Amino acid sequence: MQELADILDTFRTQMKREILKSYPSIDKFCLENDFDKGAFSRILNGKRNTASLRTLHKIATALGMEVEIRLKK
């Protein structure tokens, strides 16, 4: 499970970095893209370990990015 925790931590860090490249703050990102600030904060701070694919897609779209899910060996 530690590997999963590391993957999620890396993802959250990358997501924060990408948001702050395009927006002056996380709050501004949430406001402009219709995200609940509290729920979004819990995702970014690891209080909520998972987000739905729909939510991940919405975040990626707001950032002009795509979500990529793949299996690796």
PDB file of N, CA and C in Angstrom:
ATOM      1  N   MET A   1       0.808  -1.198   0.000  1.00  0.00           N
ATOM      2  CA  MET A   1       0.000   0.000   0.000  1.00  0.00           C
ATOM      3  C   MET A   1       0.855   1.267   0.000  1.00  0.00           C
ATOM      4  N   GLN A   2       2.102   1.167   0.476  1.00  0.00           N
ATOM      5  CA  GLN A   2       2.959   2.351   0.493  1.00  0.00           C
ATOM      6  C   GLN A   2       3.215   2.860  -0.918  1.00  0.00           C
ATOM      7  N   GLU A   3       3.360   1.942  -1.876  1.00  0.00           N
ATOM      8  CA  GLU A   3       3.573   2.353  -3.262  1.00  0.00           C
ATOM      9  C   GLU A   3       2.395   3.181  -3.766  1.00  0.00           C
ATOM     10  N   LEU A   4       1.176   2.760  -3.448  1.00  0.00           N
ATOM     11  CA  LEU A   4      -0.008   3.519  -3.846  1.00  0.00           C
ATOM     12  C   LEU A   4      -0.010   4.894  -3.188  1.00  0.00           C
ATOM     13  N   ALA A   5       0.346   4.958  -1.922  1.00  0.00           N
ATOM     14  CA  ALA A   5       0.403   6.242  -1.221  1.00  0.00           C
ATOM     15  C   ALA A   5       1.417   7.167  -1.886  1.00  0.00           C
ATOM     16  N   ASP A   6       2.553   6.621  -2.299  1.00  0.00           N
ATOM     17  CA  ASP A   6       3.574   7.423  -2.981  1.00  0.00           C
ATOM     18  C   ASP A   6       3.074   7.927  -4.330  1.00  0.00           C
ATOM     19  N   ILE A   7       2.373   7.086  -5.067  1.00  0.00           N
ATOM     20  CA  ILE A   7       1.822   7.481  -6.369  1.00  0.00           C
ATOM     21  C   ILE A   7       0.818   8.611  -6.189  1.00  0.00           C
ATOM     22  N   LEU A   8      -0.067   8.468  -5.204  1.00  0.00           N
ATOM     23  CA  LEU A   8      -1.071   9.503  -4.957  1.00  0.00           C
ATOM     24  C   LEU A   8      -0.426  10.806  -4.497  1.00  0.00           C
ATOM     25  N   ASP A   9       0.609  10.712  -3.672  1.00  0.00           N
ATOM     26  CA  ASP A   9       1.305  11.911  -3.211  1.00  0.00           C
ATOM     27  C   ASP A   9       1.972  12.629  -4.382  1.00  0.00           C
ATOM     28  N   THR A  10       2.605  11.875  -5.263  1.00  0.00           N
ATOM     29  CA  THR A  10       3.225  12.458  -6.453  1.00  0.00           C
ATOM     30  C   THR A  10       2.172  13.114  -7.336  1.00  0.00           C
ATOM     31  N   PHE A  11       1.038  12.453  -7.499  1.00  0.00           N
ATOM     32  CA  PHE A  11      -0.044  13.006  -8.313  1.00  0.00           C
ATOM     33  C   PHE A  11      -0.554  14.320  -7.725  1.00  0.00           C
ATOM     34  N   ARG A  12      -0.779  14.341  -6.413  1.00  0.00           N
ATOM     35  CA  ARG A  12      -1.263  15.570  -5.769  1.00  0.00           C
ATOM     36  C   ARG A  12      -0.262  16.706  -5.925  1.00  0.00           C
ATOM     37  N   THR A  13       1.007  16.410  -5.769  1.00  0.00           N
ATOM     38  CA  THR A  13       2.045  17.429  -5.927  1.00  0.00           C
ATOM     39  C   THR A  13       2.053  17.970  -7.350  1.00  0.00           C
ATOM     40  N   GLN A  14       1.973  17.082  -8.328  1.00  0.00           N
ATOM     41  CA  GLN A  14       1.946  17.502  -9.731  1.00  0.00           C
ATOM     42  C   GLN A  14       0.707  18.346 -10.014  1.00  0.00           C
ATOM     43  N   MET A  15      -0.439  17.928  -9.484  1.00  0.00           N
ATOM     44  CA  MET A  15      -1.677  18.659  -9.716  1.00  0.00           C
ATOM     45  C   MET A  15      -1.580  20.073  -9.131  1.00  0.00           C
ATOM     46  N   LYS A  16      -1.083  20.206  -7.910  1.00  0.00           N
ATOM     47  CA  LYS A  16      -0.917  21.531  -7.301  1.00  0.00           C
ATOM     48  C   LYS A  16      -0.012  22.404  -8.161  1.00  0.00           C
ATOM     49  N   ARG A  17       1.106  21.829  -8.603  1.00  0.00           N
ATOM     50  CA  ARG A  17       2.067  22.580  -9.418  1.00  0.00           C
ATOM     51  C   ARG A  17       1.422  23.069 -10.708  1.00  0.00           C
ATOM     52  N   GLU A  18       0.675  22.209 -11.378  1.00  0.00           N
ATOM     53  CA  GLU A  18       0.029  22.590 -12.638  1.00  0.00           C
ATOM     54  C   GLU A  18      -1.039  23.661 -12.422  1.00  0.00           C
ATOM     55  N   ILE A  19      -1.793  23.546 -11.346  1.00  0.00           N
ATOM     56  CA  ILE A  19      -2.809  24.561 -11.054  1.00  0.00           C
ATOM     57  C   ILE A  19      -2.149  25.915 -10.834  1.00  0.00           C
ATOM     58  N   LEU A  20      -1.085  25.941 -10.051  1.00  0.00           N
ATOM     59  CA  LEU A  20      -0.447  27.216  -9.720  1.00  0.00           C
ATOM     60  C   LEU A  20       0.348  27.808 -10.881  1.00  0.00           C
ATOM     61  N   LYS A  21       0.588  27.027 -11.930  1.00  0.00           N
ATOM     62  CA  LYS A  21       1.177  27.582 -13.155  1.00  0.00           C
ATOM     63  C   LYS A  21       0.156  28.446 -13.890  1.00  0.00           C
ATOM     64  N   SER A  22      -1.121  28.090 -13.767  1.00  0.00           N
ATOM     65  CA  SER A  22      -2.177  28.744 -14.543  1.00  0.00           C
ATOM     66  C   SER A  22      -3.075  29.669 -13.731  1.00  0.00           C
ATOM     67  N   TYR A  23      -3.078  29.517 -12.422  1.00  0.00           N
ATOM     68  CA  TYR A  23      -3.968  30.294 -11.557  1.00  0.00           C
ATOM     69  C   TYR A  23      -3.162  30.885 -10.405  1.00  0.00           C
ATOM     70  N   PRO A  24      -3.570  32.057  -9.918  1.00  0.00           N
ATOM     71  CA  PRO A  24      -2.826  32.665  -8.809  1.00  0.00           C
ATOM     72  C   PRO A  24      -2.981  31.904  -7.488  1.00  0.00           C
ATOM     73  N   SER A  25      -4.032  31.091  -7.370  1.00  0.00           N
ATOM     74  CA  SER A  25      -4.247  30.328  -6.140  1.00  0.00           C
ATOM     75  C   SER A  25      -5.165  29.138  -6.416  1.00  0.00           C
ATOM     76  N   ILE A  26      -5.153  28.209  -5.485  1.00  0.00           N
ATOM     77  CA  ILE A  26      -6.059  27.063  -5.566  1.00  0.00           C
ATOM     78  C   ILE A  26      -7.501  27.556  -5.459  1.00  0.00           C
ATOM     79  N   ASP A  27      -7.735  28.533  -4.581  1.00  0.00           N
ATOM     80  CA  ASP A  27      -9.089  29.086  -4.424  1.00  0.00           C
ATOM     81  C   ASP A  27      -9.620  29.647  -5.737  1.00  0.00           C
ATOM     82  N   LYS A  28      -8.776  30.374  -6.459  1.00  0.00           N
ATOM     83  CA  LYS A  28      -9.189  30.958  -7.745  1.00  0.00           C
ATOM     84  C   LYS A  28      -9.513  29.848  -8.746  1.00  0.00           C
ATOM     85  N   PHE A  29      -8.697  28.807  -8.772  1.00  0.00           N
ATOM     86  CA  PHE A  29      -8.957  27.659  -9.643  1.00  0.00           C
ATOM     87  C   PHE A  29     -10.324  27.051  -9.327  1.00  0.00           C
ATOM     88  N   CYS A  30     -10.594  26.833  -8.041  1.00  0.00           N
ATOM     89  CA  CYS A  30     -11.876  26.245  -7.634  1.00  0.00           C
ATOM     90  C   CYS A  30     -13.040  27.145  -8.027  1.00  0.00           C
ATOM     91  N   LEU A  31     -12.904  28.424  -7.783  1.00  0.00           N
ATOM     92  CA  LEU A  31     -13.972  29.369  -8.093  1.00  0.00           C
ATOM     93  C   LEU A  31     -14.274  29.400  -9.586  1.00  0.00           C
ATOM     94  N   GLU A  32     -13.243  29.483 -10.403  1.00  0.00           N
ATOM     95  CA  GLU A  32     -13.428  29.598 -11.848  1.00  0.00           C
ATOM     96  C   GLU A  32     -13.879  28.297 -12.512  1.00  0.00           C
ATOM     97  N   ASN A  33     -13.663  27.172 -11.837  1.00  0.00           N
ATOM     98  CA  ASN A  33     -13.991  25.882 -12.445  1.00  0.00           C
ATOM     99  C   ASN A  33     -15.064  25.110 -11.686  1.00  0.00           C
ATOM    100  N   ASP A  34     -15.761  25.793 -10.797  1.00  0.00           N
ATOM    101  CA  ASP A  34     -16.912  25.232 -10.095  1.00  0.00           C
ATOM    102  C   ASP A  34     -16.578  23.983  -9.283  1.00  0.00           C
ATOM    103  N   PHE A  35     -15.475  24.056  -8.526  1.00  0.00           N
ATOM    104  CA  PHE A  35     -15.125  22.998  -7.586  1.00  0.00           C
ATOM    105  C   PHE A  35     -15.433  23.478  -6.180  1.00  0.00           C
ATOM    106  N   ASP A  36     -15.913  22.593  -5.343  1.00  0.00           N
ATOM    107  CA  ASP A  36     -16.089  22.898  -3.933  1.00  0.00           C
ATOM    108  C   ASP A  36     -14.698  22.995  -3.304  1.00  0.00           C
ATOM    109  N   LYS A  37     -14.381  24.147  -2.709  1.00  0.00           N
ATOM    110  CA  LYS A  37     -13.032  24.353  -2.162  1.00  0.00           C
ATOM    111  C   LYS A  37     -12.683  23.345  -1.075  1.00  0.00           C
ATOM    112  N   GLY A  38     -13.642  23.035  -0.221  1.00  0.00           N
ATOM    113  CA  GLY A  38     -13.377  22.088   0.859  1.00  0.00           C
ATOM    114  C   GLY A  38     -13.072  20.693   0.345  1.00  0.00           C
ATOM    115  N   ALA A  39     -13.892  20.214  -0.565  1.00  0.00           N
ATOM    116  CA  ALA A  39     -13.678  18.878  -1.135  1.00  0.00           C
ATOM    117  C   ALA A  39     -12.371  18.833  -1.912  1.00  0.00           C
ATOM    118  N   PHE A  40     -12.092  19.896  -2.668  1.00  0.00           N
ATOM    119  CA  PHE A  40     -10.866  19.931  -3.456  1.00  0.00           C
ATOM    120  C   PHE A  40      -9.645  19.966  -2.540  1.00  0.00           C
ATOM    121  N   SER A  41      -9.737  20.722  -1.464  1.00  0.00           N
ATOM    122  CA  SER A  41      -8.649  20.785  -0.494  1.00  0.00           C
ATOM    123  C   SER A  41      -8.372  19.411   0.109  1.00  0.00           C
ATOM    124  N   ARG A  42      -9.425  18.662   0.410  1.00  0.00           N
ATOM    125  CA  ARG A  42      -9.239  17.317   0.967  1.00  0.00           C
ATOM    126  C   ARG A  42      -8.537  16.396  -0.027  1.00  0.00           C
ATOM    127  N   ILE A  43      -8.843  16.532  -1.305  1.00  0.00           N
ATOM    128  CA  ILE A  43      -8.157  15.737  -2.329  1.00  0.00           C
ATOM    129  C   ILE A  43      -6.681  16.117  -2.367  1.00  0.00           C
ATOM    130  N   LEU A  44      -6.395  17.426  -2.435  1.00  0.00           N
ATOM    131  CA  LEU A  44      -5.008  17.886  -2.548  1.00  0.00           C
ATOM    132  C   LEU A  44      -4.176  17.583  -1.309  1.00  0.00           C
ATOM    133  N   ASN A  45      -4.806  17.563  -0.144  1.00  0.00           N
ATOM    134  CA  ASN A  45      -4.066  17.342   1.095  1.00  0.00           C
ATOM    135  C   ASN A  45      -4.060  15.893   1.558  1.00  0.00           C
ATOM    136  N   GLY A  46      -4.613  15.002   0.743  1.00  0.00           N
ATOM    137  CA  GLY A  46      -4.569  13.583   1.056  1.00  0.00           C
ATOM    138  C   GLY A  46      -5.574  13.141   2.106  1.00  0.00           C
ATOM    139  N   LYS A  47      -6.491  14.008   2.475  1.00  0.00           N
ATOM    140  CA  LYS A  47      -7.529  13.624   3.442  1.00  0.00           C
ATOM    141  C   LYS A  47      -8.569  12.733   2.771  1.00  0.00           C
ATOM    142  N   ARG A  48      -8.652  12.862   1.470  1.00  0.00           N
ATOM    143  CA  ARG A  48      -9.529  12.014   0.654  1.00  0.00           C
ATOM    144  C   ARG A  48      -8.614  11.390  -0.393  1.00  0.00           C
ATOM    145  N   ASN A  49      -8.335  10.109  -0.247  1.00  0.00           N
ATOM    146  CA  ASN A  49      -7.316   9.469  -1.078  1.00  0.00           C
ATOM    147  C   ASN A  49      -7.713   9.266  -2.526  1.00  0.00           C
ATOM    148  N   THR A  50      -8.989   9.249  -2.795  1.00  0.00           N
ATOM    149  CA  THR A  50      -9.391   8.992  -4.167  1.00  0.00           C
ATOM    150  C   THR A  50     -10.325  10.078  -4.671  1.00  0.00           C
ATOM    151  N   ALA A  51     -10.268  10.293  -5.940  1.00  0.00           N
ATOM    152  CA  ALA A  51     -11.209  11.171  -6.631  1.00  0.00           C
ATOM    153  C   ALA A  51     -11.759  10.352  -7.792  1.00  0.00           C
ATOM    154  N   SER A  52     -12.988  10.591  -8.146  1.00  0.00           N
ATOM    155  CA  SER A  52     -13.580   9.827  -9.245  1.00  0.00           C
ATOM    156  C   SER A  52     -12.893  10.180 -10.558  1.00  0.00           C
ATOM    157  N   LEU A  53     -13.007   9.296 -11.519  1.00  0.00           N
ATOM    158  CA  LEU A  53     -12.453   9.587 -12.846  1.00  0.00           C
ATOM    159  C   LEU A  53     -13.104  10.833 -13.429  1.00  0.00           C
ATOM    160  N   ARG A  54     -14.369  11.023 -13.152  1.00  0.00           N
ATOM    161  CA  ARG A  54     -15.079  12.215 -13.631  1.00  0.00           C
ATOM    162  C   ARG A  54     -14.422  13.483 -13.064  1.00  0.00           C
ATOM    163  N   THR A  55     -14.103  13.450 -11.764  1.00  0.00           N
ATOM    164  CA  THR A  55     -13.456  14.602 -11.135  1.00  0.00           C
ATOM    165  C   THR A  55     -12.061  14.819 -11.701  1.00  0.00           C
ATOM    166  N   LEU A  56     -11.298  13.746 -11.864  1.00  0.00           N
ATOM    167  CA  LEU A  56      -9.954  13.870 -12.438  1.00  0.00           C
ATOM    168  C   LEU A  56     -10.018  14.429 -13.852  1.00  0.00           C
ATOM    169  N   HIS A  57     -10.998  13.985 -14.625  1.00  0.00           N
ATOM    170  CA  HIS A  57     -11.168  14.494 -15.988  1.00  0.00           C
ATOM    171  C   HIS A  57     -11.510  15.982 -15.959  1.00  0.00           C
ATOM    172  N   LYS A  58     -12.380  16.383 -15.051  1.00  0.00           N
ATOM    173  CA  LYS A  58     -12.766  17.796 -14.936  1.00  0.00           C
ATOM    174  C   LYS A  58     -11.564  18.666 -14.555  1.00  0.00           C
ATOM    175  N   ILE A  59     -10.743  18.182 -13.636  1.00  0.00           N
ATOM    176  CA  ILE A  59      -9.536  18.918 -13.235  1.00  0.00           C
ATOM    177  C   ILE A  59      -8.592  19.040 -14.423  1.00  0.00           C
ATOM    178  N   ALA A  60      -8.334  17.927 -15.087  1.00  0.00           N
ATOM    179  CA  ALA A  60      -7.421  17.929 -16.235  1.00  0.00           C
ATOM    180  C   ALA A  60      -7.921  18.852 -17.335  1.00  0.00           C
ATOM    181  N   THR A  61      -9.203  18.800 -17.633  1.00  0.00           N
ATOM    182  CA  THR A  61      -9.775  19.654 -18.673  1.00  0.00           C
ATOM    183  C   THR A  61      -9.610  21.120 -18.318  1.00  0.00           C
ATOM    184  N   ALA A  62      -9.840  21.467 -17.063  1.00  0.00           N
ATOM    185  CA  ALA A  62      -9.684  22.856 -16.620  1.00  0.00           C
ATOM    186  C   ALA A  62      -8.247  23.342 -16.783  1.00  0.00           C
ATOM    187  N   LEU A  63      -7.304  22.401 -16.731  1.00  0.00           N
ATOM    188  CA  LEU A  63      -5.887  22.745 -16.875  1.00  0.00           C
ATOM    189  C   LEU A  63      -5.386  22.586 -18.309  1.00  0.00           C
ATOM    190  N   GLY A  64      -6.292  22.205 -19.217  1.00  0.00           N
ATOM    191  CA  GLY A  64      -5.884  21.982 -20.601  1.00  0.00           C
ATOM    192  C   GLY A  64      -5.040  20.730 -20.754  1.00  0.00           C
ATOM    193  N   MET A  65      -5.281  19.751 -19.894  1.00  0.00           N
ATOM    194  CA  MET A  65      -4.510  18.514 -19.890  1.00  0.00           C
ATOM    195  C   MET A  65      -5.448  17.329 -20.080  1.00  0.00           C
ATOM    196  N   GLU A  66      -4.883  16.135 -20.102  1.00  0.00           N
ATOM    197  CA  GLU A  66      -5.647  14.901 -20.200  1.00  0.00           C
ATOM    198  C   GLU A  66      -5.256  13.978 -19.059  1.00  0.00           C
ATOM    199  N   VAL A  67      -6.166  13.111 -18.682  1.00  0.00           N
ATOM    200  CA  VAL A  67      -5.870  12.056 -17.717  1.00  0.00           C
ATOM    201  C   VAL A  67      -5.463  10.828 -18.511  1.00  0.00           C
ATOM    202  N   GLU A  68      -4.372  10.214 -18.112  1.00  0.00           N
ATOM    203  CA  GLU A  68      -3.908   8.996 -18.777  1.00  0.00           C
ATOM    204  C   GLU A  68      -3.814   7.895 -17.736  1.00  0.00           C
ATOM    205  N   ILE A  69      -4.495   6.802 -17.993  1.00  0.00           N
ATOM    206  CA  ILE A  69      -4.448   5.649 -17.103  1.00  0.00           C
ATOM    207  C   ILE A  69      -3.908   4.490 -17.921  1.00  0.00           C
ATOM    208  N   ARG A  70      -2.893   3.830 -17.391  1.00  0.00           N
ATOM    209  CA  ARG A  70      -2.314   2.723 -18.147  1.00  0.00           C
ATOM    210  C   ARG A  70      -1.799   1.662 -17.194  1.00  0.00           C
ATOM    211  N   LEU A  71      -1.753   0.456 -17.691  1.00  0.00           N
ATOM    212  CA  LEU A  71      -1.181  -0.654 -16.950  1.00  0.00           C
ATOM    213  C   LEU A  71       0.253  -0.849 -17.422  1.00  0.00           C
ATOM    214  N   LYS A  72       1.139  -1.115 -16.476  1.00  0.00           N
ATOM    215  CA  LYS A  72       2.544  -1.331 -16.827  1.00  0.00           C
ATOM    216  C   LYS A  72       3.010  -2.634 -16.209  1.00  0.00           C
ATOM    217  N   LYS A  73       3.970  -3.250 -16.858  1.00  0.00           N
ATOM    218  CA  LYS A  73       4.619  -4.442 -16.296  1.00  0.00           C
ATOM    219  C   LYS A  73       6.002  -4.083 -15.865  1.00  0.00           C
TER     220      LYS A  73
END
